[in-house]
Amino acid sequence: MKPADDYILNKPEPFRAILLHLQATIETLLPETKLLYKWKMPFFYIENKPFCYLNFSKKYVDLVFWHGTHLTKHKEILISDGRKHMKSLRFKSLEEIDQQVLNDVLLEAYALRDKKYYK
């Protein structure tokens, strides 16, 4: 088993379910992503560039966008937590995931990948 899969499968519920749902959504919506294990976290790469990563804490799961500061959709729910360039969607339960919001943010982040700050 890959280290990124181990990371996800070894987390306690409800966080494992959240991580699995996020992984499935990303891989379905953006099949060109490649799941790697970097900095002890599951990272999704597109064309050998970091796109987003999954971060588990004992209280929530963050879906962190590498260049999240450039996202414009659903800004009111994106969390920066003092990070300059990254923003995240944060979930404490599977029921908290608004699939439309998740899809919107993923697709916007994907559309931004060709911008100069992704080079």
PDB file of N, CA and C in Angstrom:
ATOM      1  N   MET A   1       0.833  -1.175   0.000  1.00  0.00           N
ATOM      2  CA  MET A   1       0.000   0.000   0.000  1.00  0.00           C
ATOM      3  C   MET A   1       0.885   1.248   0.000  1.00  0.00           C
ATOM      4  N   LYS A   2       0.434   2.289  -0.688  1.00  0.00           N
ATOM      5  CA  LYS A   2       1.179   3.539  -0.761  1.00  0.00           C
ATOM      6  C   LYS A   2       1.097   4.289   0.565  1.00  0.00           C
ATOM      7  N   PRO A   3       2.132   5.055   0.909  1.00  0.00           N
ATOM      8  CA  PRO A   3       2.113   5.820   2.164  1.00  0.00           C
ATOM      9  C   PRO A   3       0.941   6.801   2.260  1.00  0.00           C
ATOM     10  N   ALA A   4       0.548   7.411   1.151  1.00  0.00           N
ATOM     11  CA  ALA A   4      -0.589   8.346   1.179  1.00  0.00           C
ATOM     12  C   ALA A   4      -1.875   7.600   1.535  1.00  0.00           C
ATOM     13  N   ASP A   5      -2.039   6.413   0.990  1.00  0.00           N
ATOM     14  CA  ASP A   5      -3.221   5.598   1.319  1.00  0.00           C
ATOM     15  C   ASP A   5      -3.186   5.161   2.776  1.00  0.00           C
ATOM     16  N   ASP A   6      -2.003   4.784   3.259  1.00  0.00           N
ATOM     17  CA  ASP A   6      -1.844   4.426   4.676  1.00  0.00           C
ATOM     18  C   ASP A   6      -2.256   5.579   5.577  1.00  0.00           C
ATOM     19  N   TYR A   7      -1.814   6.770   5.226  1.00  0.00           N
ATOM     20  CA  TYR A   7      -2.137   7.967   6.005  1.00  0.00           C
ATOM     21  C   TYR A   7      -3.653   8.095   6.158  1.00  0.00           C
ATOM     22  N   ILE A   8      -4.359   7.951   5.048  1.00  0.00           N
ATOM     23  CA  ILE A   8      -5.813   8.106   5.041  1.00  0.00           C
ATOM     24  C   ILE A   8      -6.492   6.972   5.793  1.00  0.00           C
ATOM     25  N   LEU A   9      -6.129   5.755   5.501  1.00  0.00           N
ATOM     26  CA  LEU A   9      -6.819   4.593   6.074  1.00  0.00           C
ATOM     27  C   LEU A   9      -6.549   4.389   7.559  1.00  0.00           C
ATOM     28  N   ASN A  10      -5.471   4.948   8.060  1.00  0.00           N
ATOM     29  CA  ASN A  10      -5.129   4.774   9.470  1.00  0.00           C
ATOM     30  C   ASN A  10      -5.669   5.881  10.377  1.00  0.00           C
ATOM     31  N   LYS A  11      -6.460   6.780   9.829  1.00  0.00           N
ATOM     32  CA  LYS A  11      -7.043   7.834  10.660  1.00  0.00           C
ATOM     33  C   LYS A  11      -8.350   7.332  11.282  1.00  0.00           C
ATOM     34  N   PRO A  12      -8.674   7.839  12.471  1.00  0.00           N
ATOM     35  CA  PRO A  12      -9.927   7.415  13.122  1.00  0.00           C
ATOM     36  C   PRO A  12     -11.147   8.028  12.431  1.00  0.00           C
ATOM     37  N   GLU A  13     -12.274   7.391  12.623  1.00  0.00           N
ATOM     38  CA  GLU A  13     -13.527   7.961  12.139  1.00  0.00           C
ATOM     39  C   GLU A  13     -13.897   9.133  13.032  1.00  0.00           C
ATOM     40  N   PRO A  14     -14.563  10.120  12.545  1.00  0.00           N
ATOM     41  CA  PRO A  14     -15.137  10.292  11.207  1.00  0.00           C
ATOM     42  C   PRO A  14     -14.146  10.828  10.182  1.00  0.00           C
ATOM     43  N   PHE A  15     -12.889  11.041  10.600  1.00  0.00           N
ATOM     44  CA  PHE A  15     -11.912  11.684   9.729  1.00  0.00           C
ATOM     45  C   PHE A  15     -11.499  10.811   8.552  1.00  0.00           C
ATOM     46  N   ARG A  16     -11.442   9.514   8.757  1.00  0.00           N
ATOM     47  CA  ARG A  16     -11.121   8.611   7.639  1.00  0.00           C
ATOM     48  C   ARG A  16     -12.166   8.745   6.542  1.00  0.00           C
ATOM     49  N   ALA A  17     -13.431   8.794   6.916  1.00  0.00           N
ATOM     50  CA  ALA A  17     -14.511   8.926   5.927  1.00  0.00           C
ATOM     51  C   ALA A  17     -14.404  10.255   5.178  1.00  0.00           C
ATOM     52  N   ILE A  18     -14.067  11.310   5.887  1.00  0.00           N
ATOM     53  CA  ILE A  18     -13.896  12.615   5.243  1.00  0.00           C
ATOM     54  C   ILE A  18     -12.738  12.559   4.253  1.00  0.00           C
ATOM     55  N   LEU A  19     -11.603  12.021   4.695  1.00  0.00           N
ATOM     56  CA  LEU A  19     -10.427  11.914   3.832  1.00  0.00           C
ATOM     57  C   LEU A  19     -10.711  11.067   2.596  1.00  0.00           C
ATOM     58  N   LEU A  20     -11.385   9.957   2.777  1.00  0.00           N
ATOM     59  CA  LEU A  20     -11.732   9.089   1.638  1.00  0.00           C
ATOM     60  C   LEU A  20     -12.672   9.793   0.670  1.00  0.00           C
ATOM     61  N   HIS A  21     -13.629  10.539   1.207  1.00  0.00           N
ATOM     62  CA  HIS A  21     -14.565  11.277   0.352  1.00  0.00           C
ATOM     63  C   HIS A  21     -13.823  12.350  -0.447  1.00  0.00           C
ATOM     64  N   LEU A  22     -12.936  13.084   0.203  1.00  0.00           N
ATOM     65  CA  LEU A  22     -12.171  14.117  -0.490  1.00  0.00           C
ATOM     66  C   LEU A  22     -11.266  13.498  -1.556  1.00  0.00           C
ATOM     67  N   GLN A  23     -10.616  12.405  -1.218  1.00  0.00           N
ATOM     68  CA  GLN A  23      -9.766  11.720  -2.190  1.00  0.00           C
ATOM     69  C   GLN A  23     -10.579  11.278  -3.404  1.00  0.00           C
ATOM     70  N   ALA A  24     -11.713  10.655  -3.163  1.00  0.00           N
ATOM     71  CA  ALA A  24     -12.557  10.169  -4.268  1.00  0.00           C
ATOM     72  C   ALA A  24     -13.061  11.329  -5.124  1.00  0.00           C
ATOM     73  N   THR A  25     -13.444  12.418  -4.488  1.00  0.00           N
ATOM     74  CA  THR A  25     -13.936  13.574  -5.240  1.00  0.00           C
ATOM     75  C   THR A  25     -12.835  14.154  -6.116  1.00  0.00           C
ATOM     76  N   ILE A  26     -11.657  14.341  -5.552  1.00  0.00           N
ATOM     77  CA  ILE A  26     -10.544  14.913  -6.315  1.00  0.00           C
ATOM     78  C   ILE A  26     -10.178  14.007  -7.483  1.00  0.00           C
ATOM     79  N   GLU A  27     -10.063  12.715  -7.235  1.00  0.00           N
ATOM     80  CA  GLU A  27      -9.650  11.784  -8.292  1.00  0.00           C
ATOM     81  C   GLU A  27     -10.716  11.611  -9.367  1.00  0.00           C
ATOM     82  N   THR A  28     -11.979  11.789  -9.002  1.00  0.00           N
ATOM     83  CA  THR A  28     -13.063  11.679  -9.984  1.00  0.00           C
ATOM     84  C   THR A  28     -13.190  12.954 -10.801  1.00  0.00           C
ATOM     85  N   LEU A  29     -13.175  14.095 -10.115  1.00  0.00           N
ATOM     86  CA  LEU A  29     -13.354  15.383 -10.780  1.00  0.00           C
ATOM     87  C   LEU A  29     -12.128  15.770 -11.600  1.00  0.00           C
ATOM     88  N   LEU A  30     -10.954  15.402 -11.109  1.00  0.00           N
ATOM     89  CA  LEU A  30      -9.691  15.780 -11.754  1.00  0.00           C
ATOM     90  C   LEU A  30      -8.810  14.537 -11.907  1.00  0.00           C
ATOM     91  N   PRO A  31      -9.151  13.671 -12.844  1.00  0.00           N
ATOM     92  CA  PRO A  31      -8.449  12.387 -12.957  1.00  0.00           C
ATOM     93  C   PRO A  31      -6.964  12.503 -13.284  1.00  0.00           C
ATOM     94  N   GLU A  32      -6.519  13.668 -13.734  1.00  0.00           N
ATOM     95  CA  GLU A  32      -5.095  13.822 -14.038  1.00  0.00           C
ATOM     96  C   GLU A  32      -4.244  14.071 -12.799  1.00  0.00           C
ATOM     97  N   THR A  33      -4.872  14.195 -11.639  1.00  0.00           N
ATOM     98  CA  THR A  33      -4.096  14.363 -10.410  1.00  0.00           C
ATOM     99  C   THR A  33      -3.350  13.078 -10.079  1.00  0.00           C
ATOM    100  N   LYS A  34      -2.237  13.276  -9.399  1.00  0.00           N
ATOM    101  CA  LYS A  34      -1.442  12.141  -8.945  1.00  0.00           C
ATOM    102  C   LYS A  34      -1.278  12.284  -7.433  1.00  0.00           C
ATOM    103  N   LEU A  35      -1.669  11.255  -6.703  1.00  0.00           N
ATOM    104  CA  LEU A  35      -1.565  11.277  -5.253  1.00  0.00           C
ATOM    105  C   LEU A  35      -0.182  10.803  -4.825  1.00  0.00           C
ATOM    106  N   LEU A  36       0.521  11.681  -4.112  1.00  0.00           N
ATOM    107  CA  LEU A  36       1.852  11.382  -3.607  1.00  0.00           C
ATOM    108  C   LEU A  36       1.875  11.615  -2.097  1.00  0.00           C
ATOM    109  N   TYR A  37       2.936  11.193  -1.480  1.00  0.00           N
ATOM    110  CA  TYR A  37       3.109  11.394  -0.041  1.00  0.00           C
ATOM    111  C   TYR A  37       4.314  12.305   0.157  1.00  0.00           C
ATOM    112  N   LYS A  38       4.055  13.556   0.521  1.00  0.00           N
ATOM    113  CA  LYS A  38       5.110  14.555   0.693  1.00  0.00           C
ATOM    114  C   LYS A  38       4.923  15.228   2.047  1.00  0.00           C
ATOM    115  N   TRP A  39       6.008  15.529   2.708  1.00  0.00           N
ATOM    116  CA  TRP A  39       5.976  16.215   3.995  1.00  0.00           C
ATOM    117  C   TRP A  39       5.018  15.537   4.976  1.00  0.00           C
ATOM    118  N   LYS A  40       4.970  14.205   4.887  1.00  0.00           N
ATOM    119  CA  LYS A  40       4.148  13.351   5.760  1.00  0.00           C
ATOM    120  C   LYS A  40       2.647  13.596   5.612  1.00  0.00           C
ATOM    121  N   MET A  41       2.231  14.007   4.393  1.00  0.00           N
ATOM    122  CA  MET A  41       0.816  14.226   4.096  1.00  0.00           C
ATOM    123  C   MET A  41       0.502  13.793   2.670  1.00  0.00           C
ATOM    124  N   PRO A  42      -0.772  13.428   2.403  1.00  0.00           N
ATOM    125  CA  PRO A  42      -1.178  13.127   1.025  1.00  0.00           C
ATOM    126  C   PRO A  42      -1.268  14.420   0.207  1.00  0.00           C
ATOM    127  N   PHE A  43      -0.485  14.496  -0.853  1.00  0.00           N
ATOM    128  CA  PHE A  43      -0.455  15.645  -1.746  1.00  0.00           C
ATOM    129  C   PHE A  43      -0.966  15.230  -3.111  1.00  0.00           C
ATOM    130  N   PHE A  44      -1.779  16.060  -3.700  1.00  0.00           N
ATOM    131  CA  PHE A  44      -2.211  15.849  -5.069  1.00  0.00           C
ATOM    132  C   PHE A  44      -1.401  16.773  -5.961  1.00  0.00           C
ATOM    133  N   TYR A  45      -0.805  16.175  -6.978  1.00  0.00           N
ATOM    134  CA  TYR A  45       0.002  16.913  -7.942  1.00  0.00           C
ATOM    135  C   TYR A  45      -0.671  16.862  -9.304  1.00  0.00           C
ATOM    136  N   ILE A  46      -0.489  17.933 -10.048  1.00  0.00           N
ATOM    137  CA  ILE A  46      -0.902  17.977 -11.450  1.00  0.00           C
ATOM    138  C   ILE A  46       0.306  18.450 -12.236  1.00  0.00           C
ATOM    139  N   GLU A  47       0.698  17.673 -13.229  1.00  0.00           N
ATOM    140  CA  GLU A  47       1.854  18.000 -14.067  1.00  0.00           C
ATOM    141  C   GLU A  47       3.091  18.303 -13.220  1.00  0.00           C
ATOM    142  N   ASN A  48       3.334  17.468 -12.234  1.00  0.00           N
ATOM    143  CA  ASN A  48       4.509  17.573 -11.359  1.00  0.00           C
ATOM    144  C   ASN A  48       4.548  18.843 -10.509  1.00  0.00           C
ATOM    145  N   LYS A  49       3.388  19.474 -10.324  1.00  0.00           N
ATOM    146  CA  LYS A  49       3.304  20.659  -9.482  1.00  0.00           C
ATOM    147  C   LYS A  49       2.273  20.415  -8.381  1.00  0.00           C
ATOM    148  N   PRO A  50       2.558  20.864  -7.151  1.00  0.00           N
ATOM    149  CA  PRO A  50       1.592  20.664  -6.069  1.00  0.00           C
ATOM    150  C   PRO A  50       0.292  21.402  -6.346  1.00  0.00           C
ATOM    151  N   PHE A  51      -0.805  20.714  -6.121  1.00  0.00           N
ATOM    152  CA  PHE A  51      -2.132  21.283  -6.356  1.00  0.00           C
ATOM    153  C   PHE A  51      -2.859  21.507  -5.028  1.00  0.00           C
ATOM    154  N   CYS A  52      -2.975  20.448  -4.241  1.00  0.00           N
ATOM    155  CA  CYS A  52      -3.623  20.546  -2.935  1.00  0.00           C
ATOM    156  C   CYS A  52      -3.149  19.381  -2.076  1.00  0.00           C
ATOM    157  N   TYR A  53      -3.455  19.470  -0.778  1.00  0.00           N
ATOM    158  CA  TYR A  53      -3.103  18.362   0.106  1.00  0.00           C
ATOM    159  C   TYR A  53      -4.131  18.208   1.199  1.00  0.00           C
ATOM    160  N   LEU A  54      -4.118  17.032   1.808  1.00  0.00           N
ATOM    161  CA  LEU A  54      -5.036  16.701   2.886  1.00  0.00           C
ATOM    162  C   LEU A  54      -4.277  16.732   4.202  1.00  0.00           C
ATOM    163  N   ASN A  55      -4.810  17.459   5.153  1.00  0.00           N
ATOM    164  CA  ASN A  55      -4.158  17.574   6.448  1.00  0.00           C
ATOM    165  C   ASN A  55      -5.148  17.202   7.546  1.00  0.00           C
ATOM    166  N   PHE A  56      -4.752  16.268   8.382  1.00  0.00           N
ATOM    167  CA  PHE A  56      -5.585  15.797   9.488  1.00  0.00           C
ATOM    168  C   PHE A  56      -5.095  16.400  10.787  1.00  0.00           C
ATOM    169  N   SER A  57      -6.033  16.904  11.572  1.00  0.00           N
ATOM    170  CA  SER A  57      -5.722  17.266  12.951  1.00  0.00           C
ATOM    171  C   SER A  57      -6.704  16.471  13.803  1.00  0.00           C
ATOM    172  N   LYS A  58      -6.532  16.470  15.078  1.00  0.00           N
ATOM    173  CA  LYS A  58      -7.428  15.675  15.928  1.00  0.00           C
ATOM    174  C   LYS A  58      -8.827  16.254  16.001  1.00  0.00           C
ATOM    175  N   LYS A  59      -9.034  17.437  15.395  1.00  0.00           N
ATOM    176  CA  LYS A  59     -10.341  18.100  15.446  1.00  0.00           C
ATOM    177  C   LYS A  59     -11.020  18.235  14.086  1.00  0.00           C
ATOM    178  N   TYR A  60     -10.249  18.141  12.986  1.00  0.00           N
ATOM    179  CA  TYR A  60     -10.816  18.394  11.662  1.00  0.00           C
ATOM    180  C   TYR A  60      -9.871  17.879  10.575  1.00  0.00           C
ATOM    181  N   VAL A  61     -10.375  17.955   9.344  1.00  0.00           N
ATOM    182  CA  VAL A  61      -9.577  17.674   8.148  1.00  0.00           C
ATOM    183  C   VAL A  61      -9.574  18.937   7.309  1.00  0.00           C
ATOM    184  N   ASP A  62      -8.405  19.333   6.860  1.00  0.00           N
ATOM    185  CA  ASP A  62      -8.259  20.463   5.948  1.00  0.00           C
ATOM    186  C   ASP A  62      -7.938  19.949   4.557  1.00  0.00           C
ATOM    187  N   LEU A  63      -8.629  20.496   3.574  1.00  0.00           N
ATOM    188  CA  LEU A  63      -8.247  20.334   2.178  1.00  0.00           C
ATOM    189  C   LEU A  63      -7.579  21.655   1.817  1.00  0.00           C
ATOM    190  N   VAL A  64      -6.255  21.622   1.702  1.00  0.00           N
ATOM    191  CA  VAL A  64      -5.469  22.850   1.558  1.00  0.00           C
ATOM    192  C   VAL A  64      -5.070  23.034   0.094  1.00  0.00           C
ATOM    193  N   PHE A  65      -5.353  24.222  -0.419  1.00  0.00           N
ATOM    194  CA  PHE A  65      -5.018  24.563  -1.793  1.00  0.00           C
ATOM    195  C   PHE A  65      -3.706  25.329  -1.818  1.00  0.00           C
ATOM    196  N   TRP A  66      -2.768  24.818  -2.600  1.00  0.00           N
ATOM    197  CA  TRP A  66      -1.408  25.319  -2.637  1.00  0.00           C
ATOM    198  C   TRP A  66      -1.357  26.818  -2.915  1.00  0.00           C
ATOM    199  N   HIS A  67      -2.132  27.289  -3.860  1.00  0.00           N
ATOM    200  CA  HIS A  67      -2.198  28.724  -4.180  1.00  0.00           C
ATOM    201  C   HIS A  67      -3.606  29.242  -3.896  1.00  0.00           C
ATOM    202  N   GLY A  68      -4.106  28.931  -2.737  1.00  0.00           N
ATOM    203  CA  GLY A  68      -5.473  29.265  -2.360  1.00  0.00           C
ATOM    204  C   GLY A  68      -5.767  30.739  -2.255  1.00  0.00           C
ATOM    205  N   THR A  69      -4.745  31.543  -2.078  1.00  0.00           N
ATOM    206  CA  THR A  69      -4.962  32.975  -1.964  1.00  0.00           C
ATOM    207  C   THR A  69      -5.573  33.562  -3.237  1.00  0.00           C
ATOM    208  N   HIS A  70      -5.437  32.880  -4.350  1.00  0.00           N
ATOM    209  CA  HIS A  70      -5.956  33.358  -5.629  1.00  0.00           C
ATOM    210  C   HIS A  70      -7.387  32.886  -5.908  1.00  0.00           C
ATOM    211  N   LEU A  71      -7.931  32.076  -5.034  1.00  0.00           N
ATOM    212  CA  LEU A  71      -9.300  31.591  -5.219  1.00  0.00           C
ATOM    213  C   LEU A  71     -10.294  32.718  -4.923  1.00  0.00           C
ATOM    214  N   THR A  72     -11.352  32.781  -5.724  1.00  0.00           N
ATOM    215  CA  THR A  72     -12.344  33.843  -5.542  1.00  0.00           C
ATOM    216  C   THR A  72     -13.722  33.306  -5.166  1.00  0.00           C
ATOM    217  N   LYS A  73     -13.992  32.058  -5.470  1.00  0.00           N
ATOM    218  CA  LYS A  73     -15.299  31.470  -5.146  1.00  0.00           C
ATOM    219  C   LYS A  73     -15.321  30.997  -3.696  1.00  0.00           C
ATOM    220  N   HIS A  74     -16.414  31.258  -3.035  1.00  0.00           N
ATOM    221  CA  HIS A  74     -16.646  30.793  -1.659  1.00  0.00           C
ATOM    222  C   HIS A  74     -15.558  31.282  -0.698  1.00  0.00           C
ATOM    223  N   LYS A  75     -15.073  32.498  -0.924  1.00  0.00           N
ATOM    224  CA  LYS A  75     -14.023  33.075  -0.075  1.00  0.00           C
ATOM    225  C   LYS A  75     -14.439  33.135   1.391  1.00  0.00           C
ATOM    226  N   GLU A  76     -15.750  33.259   1.611  1.00  0.00           N
ATOM    227  CA  GLU A  76     -16.241  33.410   2.981  1.00  0.00           C
ATOM    228  C   GLU A  76     -16.035  32.150   3.823  1.00  0.00           C
ATOM    229  N   ILE A  77     -15.812  31.017   3.186  1.00  0.00           N
ATOM    230  CA  ILE A  77     -15.602  29.787   3.961  1.00  0.00           C
ATOM    231  C   ILE A  77     -14.181  29.231   3.833  1.00  0.00           C
ATOM    232  N   LEU A  78     -13.375  29.848   2.989  1.00  0.00           N
ATOM    233  CA  LEU A  78     -11.980  29.429   2.870  1.00  0.00           C
ATOM    234  C   LEU A  78     -11.198  29.961   4.071  1.00  0.00           C
ATOM    235  N   ILE A  79     -10.356  29.130   4.621  1.00  0.00           N
ATOM    236  CA  ILE A  79      -9.616  29.439   5.844  1.00  0.00           C
ATOM    237  C   ILE A  79      -8.144  29.639   5.507  1.00  0.00           C
ATOM    238  N   SER A  80      -7.574  30.721   6.029  1.00  0.00           N
ATOM    239  CA  SER A  80      -6.145  30.956   5.788  1.00  0.00           C
ATOM    240  C   SER A  80      -5.301  30.582   6.999  1.00  0.00           C
ATOM    241  N   ASP A  81      -5.812  30.747   8.200  1.00  0.00           N
ATOM    242  CA  ASP A  81      -5.075  30.410   9.436  1.00  0.00           C
ATOM    243  C   ASP A  81      -3.664  30.982   9.451  1.00  0.00           C
ATOM    244  N   GLY A  82      -3.514  32.216   8.985  1.00  0.00           N
ATOM    245  CA  GLY A  82      -2.220  32.862   8.999  1.00  0.00           C
ATOM    246  C   GLY A  82      -1.289  32.471   7.862  1.00  0.00           C
ATOM    247  N   ARG A  83      -1.738  31.610   6.980  1.00  0.00           N
ATOM    248  CA  ARG A  83      -0.901  31.201   5.840  1.00  0.00           C
ATOM    249  C   ARG A  83      -0.999  32.273   4.751  1.00  0.00           C
ATOM    250  N   LYS A  84       0.112  32.634   4.141  1.00  0.00           N
ATOM    251  CA  LYS A  84       0.135  33.695   3.135  1.00  0.00           C
ATOM    252  C   LYS A  84      -0.473  33.261   1.806  1.00  0.00           C
ATOM    253  N   HIS A  85      -0.159  32.071   1.364  1.00  0.00           N
ATOM    254  CA  HIS A  85      -0.549  31.662   0.015  1.00  0.00           C
ATOM    255  C   HIS A  85      -1.592  30.553  -0.013  1.00  0.00           C
ATOM    256  N   MET A  86      -1.708  29.817   1.043  1.00  0.00           N
ATOM    257  CA  MET A  86      -2.606  28.668   1.054  1.00  0.00           C
ATOM    258  C   MET A  86      -3.907  29.001   1.770  1.00  0.00           C
ATOM    259  N   LYS A  87      -4.976  28.397   1.270  1.00  0.00           N
ATOM    260  CA  LYS A  87      -6.277  28.477   1.930  1.00  0.00           C
ATOM    261  C   LYS A  87      -6.871  27.078   1.908  1.00  0.00           C
ATOM    262  N   SER A  88      -7.799  26.838   2.831  1.00  0.00           N
ATOM    263  CA  SER A  88      -8.331  25.484   2.926  1.00  0.00           C
ATOM    264  C   SER A  88      -9.827  25.480   3.174  1.00  0.00           C
ATOM    265  N   LEU A  89     -10.400  24.345   2.851  1.00  0.00           N
ATOM    266  CA  LEU A  89     -11.758  24.008   3.270  1.00  0.00           C
ATOM    267  C   LEU A  89     -11.588  23.078   4.457  1.00  0.00           C
ATOM    268  N   ARG A  90     -12.332  23.322   5.524  1.00  0.00           N
ATOM    269  CA  ARG A  90     -12.161  22.557   6.763  1.00  0.00           C
ATOM    270  C   ARG A  90     -13.454  21.811   7.079  1.00  0.00           C
ATOM    271  N   PHE A  91     -13.293  20.535   7.480  1.00  0.00           N
ATOM    272  CA  PHE A  91     -14.439  19.679   7.765  1.00  0.00           C
ATOM    273  C   PHE A  91     -14.245  18.917   9.068  1.00  0.00           C
ATOM    274  N   LYS A  92     -15.294  18.903   9.873  1.00  0.00           N
ATOM    275  CA  LYS A  92     -15.284  18.136  11.126  1.00  0.00           C
ATOM    276  C   LYS A  92     -16.147  16.886  11.029  1.00  0.00           C
ATOM    277  N   SER A  93     -16.980  16.843  10.006  1.00  0.00           N
ATOM    278  CA  SER A  93     -17.817  15.662   9.785  1.00  0.00           C
ATOM    279  C   SER A  93     -18.101  15.532   8.292  1.00  0.00           C
ATOM    280  N   LEU A  94     -18.458  14.340   7.893  1.00  0.00           N
ATOM    281  CA  LEU A  94     -18.791  14.085   6.497  1.00  0.00           C
ATOM    282  C   LEU A  94     -20.015  14.892   6.080  1.00  0.00           C
ATOM    283  N   GLU A  95     -20.937  15.078   6.990  1.00  0.00           N
ATOM    284  CA  GLU A  95     -22.181  15.804   6.697  1.00  0.00           C
ATOM    285  C   GLU A  95     -21.928  17.286   6.430  1.00  0.00           C
ATOM    286  N   GLU A  96     -20.816  17.814   6.907  1.00  0.00           N
ATOM    287  CA  GLU A  96     -20.480  19.227   6.690  1.00  0.00           C
ATOM    288  C   GLU A  96     -20.054  19.521   5.259  1.00  0.00           C
ATOM    289  N   ILE A  97     -19.713  18.505   4.515  1.00  0.00           N
ATOM    290  CA  ILE A  97     -19.205  18.724   3.160  1.00  0.00           C
ATOM    291  C   ILE A  97     -20.355  19.106   2.236  1.00  0.00           C
ATOM    292  N   ASP A  98     -20.275  20.310   1.710  1.00  0.00           N
ATOM    293  CA  ASP A  98     -21.211  20.770   0.686  1.00  0.00           C
ATOM    294  C   ASP A  98     -20.559  20.410  -0.648  1.00  0.00           C
ATOM    295  N   GLN A  99     -21.088  19.397  -1.295  1.00  0.00           N
ATOM    296  CA  GLN A  99     -20.454  18.867  -2.498  1.00  0.00           C
ATOM    297  C   GLN A  99     -20.332  19.912  -3.601  1.00  0.00           C
ATOM    298  N   GLN A 100     -21.316  20.782  -3.723  1.00  0.00           N
ATOM    299  CA  GLN A 100     -21.251  21.813  -4.762  1.00  0.00           C
ATOM    300  C   GLN A 100     -20.117  22.797  -4.488  1.00  0.00           C
ATOM    301  N   VAL A 101     -19.978  23.203  -3.237  1.00  0.00           N
ATOM    302  CA  VAL A 101     -18.886  24.106  -2.859  1.00  0.00           C
ATOM    303  C   VAL A 101     -17.541  23.424  -3.101  1.00  0.00           C
ATOM    304  N   LEU A 102     -17.422  22.183  -2.679  1.00  0.00           N
ATOM    305  CA  LEU A 102     -16.186  21.429  -2.875  1.00  0.00           C
ATOM    306  C   LEU A 102     -15.833  21.364  -4.357  1.00  0.00           C
ATOM    307  N   ASN A 103     -16.794  21.005  -5.186  1.00  0.00           N
ATOM    308  CA  ASN A 103     -16.555  20.922  -6.629  1.00  0.00           C
ATOM    309  C   ASN A 103     -16.174  22.281  -7.209  1.00  0.00           C
ATOM    310  N   ASP A 104     -16.898  23.338  -6.800  1.00  0.00           N
ATOM    311  CA  ASP A 104     -16.607  24.690  -7.300  1.00  0.00           C
ATOM    312  C   ASP A 104     -15.167  25.095  -7.003  1.00  0.00           C
ATOM    313  N   VAL A 105     -14.741  24.883  -5.772  1.00  0.00           N
ATOM    314  CA  VAL A 105     -13.394  25.305  -5.370  1.00  0.00           C
ATOM    315  C   VAL A 105     -12.332  24.458  -6.083  1.00  0.00           C
ATOM    316  N   LEU A 106     -12.554  23.163  -6.175  1.00  0.00           N
ATOM    317  CA  LEU A 106     -11.600  22.306  -6.890  1.00  0.00           C
ATOM    318  C   LEU A 106     -11.467  22.723  -8.353  1.00  0.00           C
ATOM    319  N   LEU A 107     -12.591  22.982  -8.994  1.00  0.00           N
ATOM    320  CA  LEU A 107     -12.552  23.355 -10.410  1.00  0.00           C
ATOM    321  C   LEU A 107     -11.931  24.733 -10.622  1.00  0.00           C
ATOM    322  N   GLU A 108     -12.195  25.663  -9.704  1.00  0.00           N
ATOM    323  CA  GLU A 108     -11.557  26.971  -9.830  1.00  0.00           C
ATOM    324  C   GLU A 108     -10.045  26.842  -9.633  1.00  0.00           C
ATOM    325  N   ALA A 109      -9.629  26.099  -8.629  1.00  0.00           N
ATOM    326  CA  ALA A 109      -8.202  25.894  -8.394  1.00  0.00           C
ATOM    327  C   ALA A 109      -7.547  25.235  -9.609  1.00  0.00           C
ATOM    328  N   TYR A 110      -8.241  24.296 -10.206  1.00  0.00           N
ATOM    329  CA  TYR A 110      -7.721  23.634 -11.403  1.00  0.00           C
ATOM    330  C   TYR A 110      -7.582  24.633 -12.556  1.00  0.00           C
ATOM    331  N   ALA A 111      -8.572  25.497 -12.728  1.00  0.00           N
ATOM    332  CA  ALA A 111      -8.531  26.495 -13.801  1.00  0.00           C
ATOM    333  C   ALA A 111      -7.379  27.483 -13.598  1.00  0.00           C
ATOM    334  N   LEU A 112      -6.993  27.714 -12.360  1.00  0.00           N
ATOM    335  CA  LEU A 112      -5.912  28.651 -12.061  1.00  0.00           C
ATOM    336  C   LEU A 112      -4.521  28.056 -12.250  1.00  0.00           C
ATOM    337  N   ARG A 113      -4.436  26.757 -12.483  1.00  0.00           N
ATOM    338  CA  ARG A 113      -3.136  26.091 -12.500  1.00  0.00           C
ATOM    339  C   ARG A 113      -2.223  26.604 -13.595  1.00  0.00           C
ATOM    340  N   ASP A 114      -2.767  27.213 -14.636  1.00  0.00           N
ATOM    341  CA  ASP A 114      -1.935  27.707 -15.728  1.00  0.00           C
ATOM    342  C   ASP A 114      -1.437  29.137 -15.503  1.00  0.00           C
ATOM    343  N   LYS A 115      -1.831  29.738 -14.413  1.00  0.00           N
ATOM    344  CA  LYS A 115      -1.406  31.105 -14.124  1.00  0.00           C
ATOM    345  C   LYS A 115       0.074  31.131 -13.757  1.00  0.00           C
ATOM    346  N   LYS A 116       0.658  32.310 -13.790  1.00  0.00           N
ATOM    347  CA  LYS A 116       2.102  32.453 -13.587  1.00  0.00           C
ATOM    348  C   LYS A 116       2.567  31.967 -12.215  1.00  0.00           C
ATOM    349  N   TYR A 117       1.704  32.045 -11.188  1.00  0.00           N
ATOM    350  CA  TYR A 117       2.142  31.633  -9.862  1.00  0.00           C
ATOM    351  C   TYR A 117       2.177  30.125  -9.706  1.00  0.00           C
ATOM    352  N   TYR A 118       1.715  29.376 -10.689  1.00  0.00           N
ATOM    353  CA  TYR A 118       1.811  27.920 -10.653  1.00  0.00           C
ATOM    354  C   TYR A 118       3.040  27.429 -11.411  1.00  0.00           C
ATOM    355  N   LYS A 119       3.788  28.314 -11.973  1.00  0.00           N
ATOM    356  CA  LYS A 119       4.962  27.919 -12.777  1.00  0.00           C
ATOM    357  C   LYS A 119       6.137  27.616 -11.886  1.00  0.00           C
TER     358      LYS A 119
END
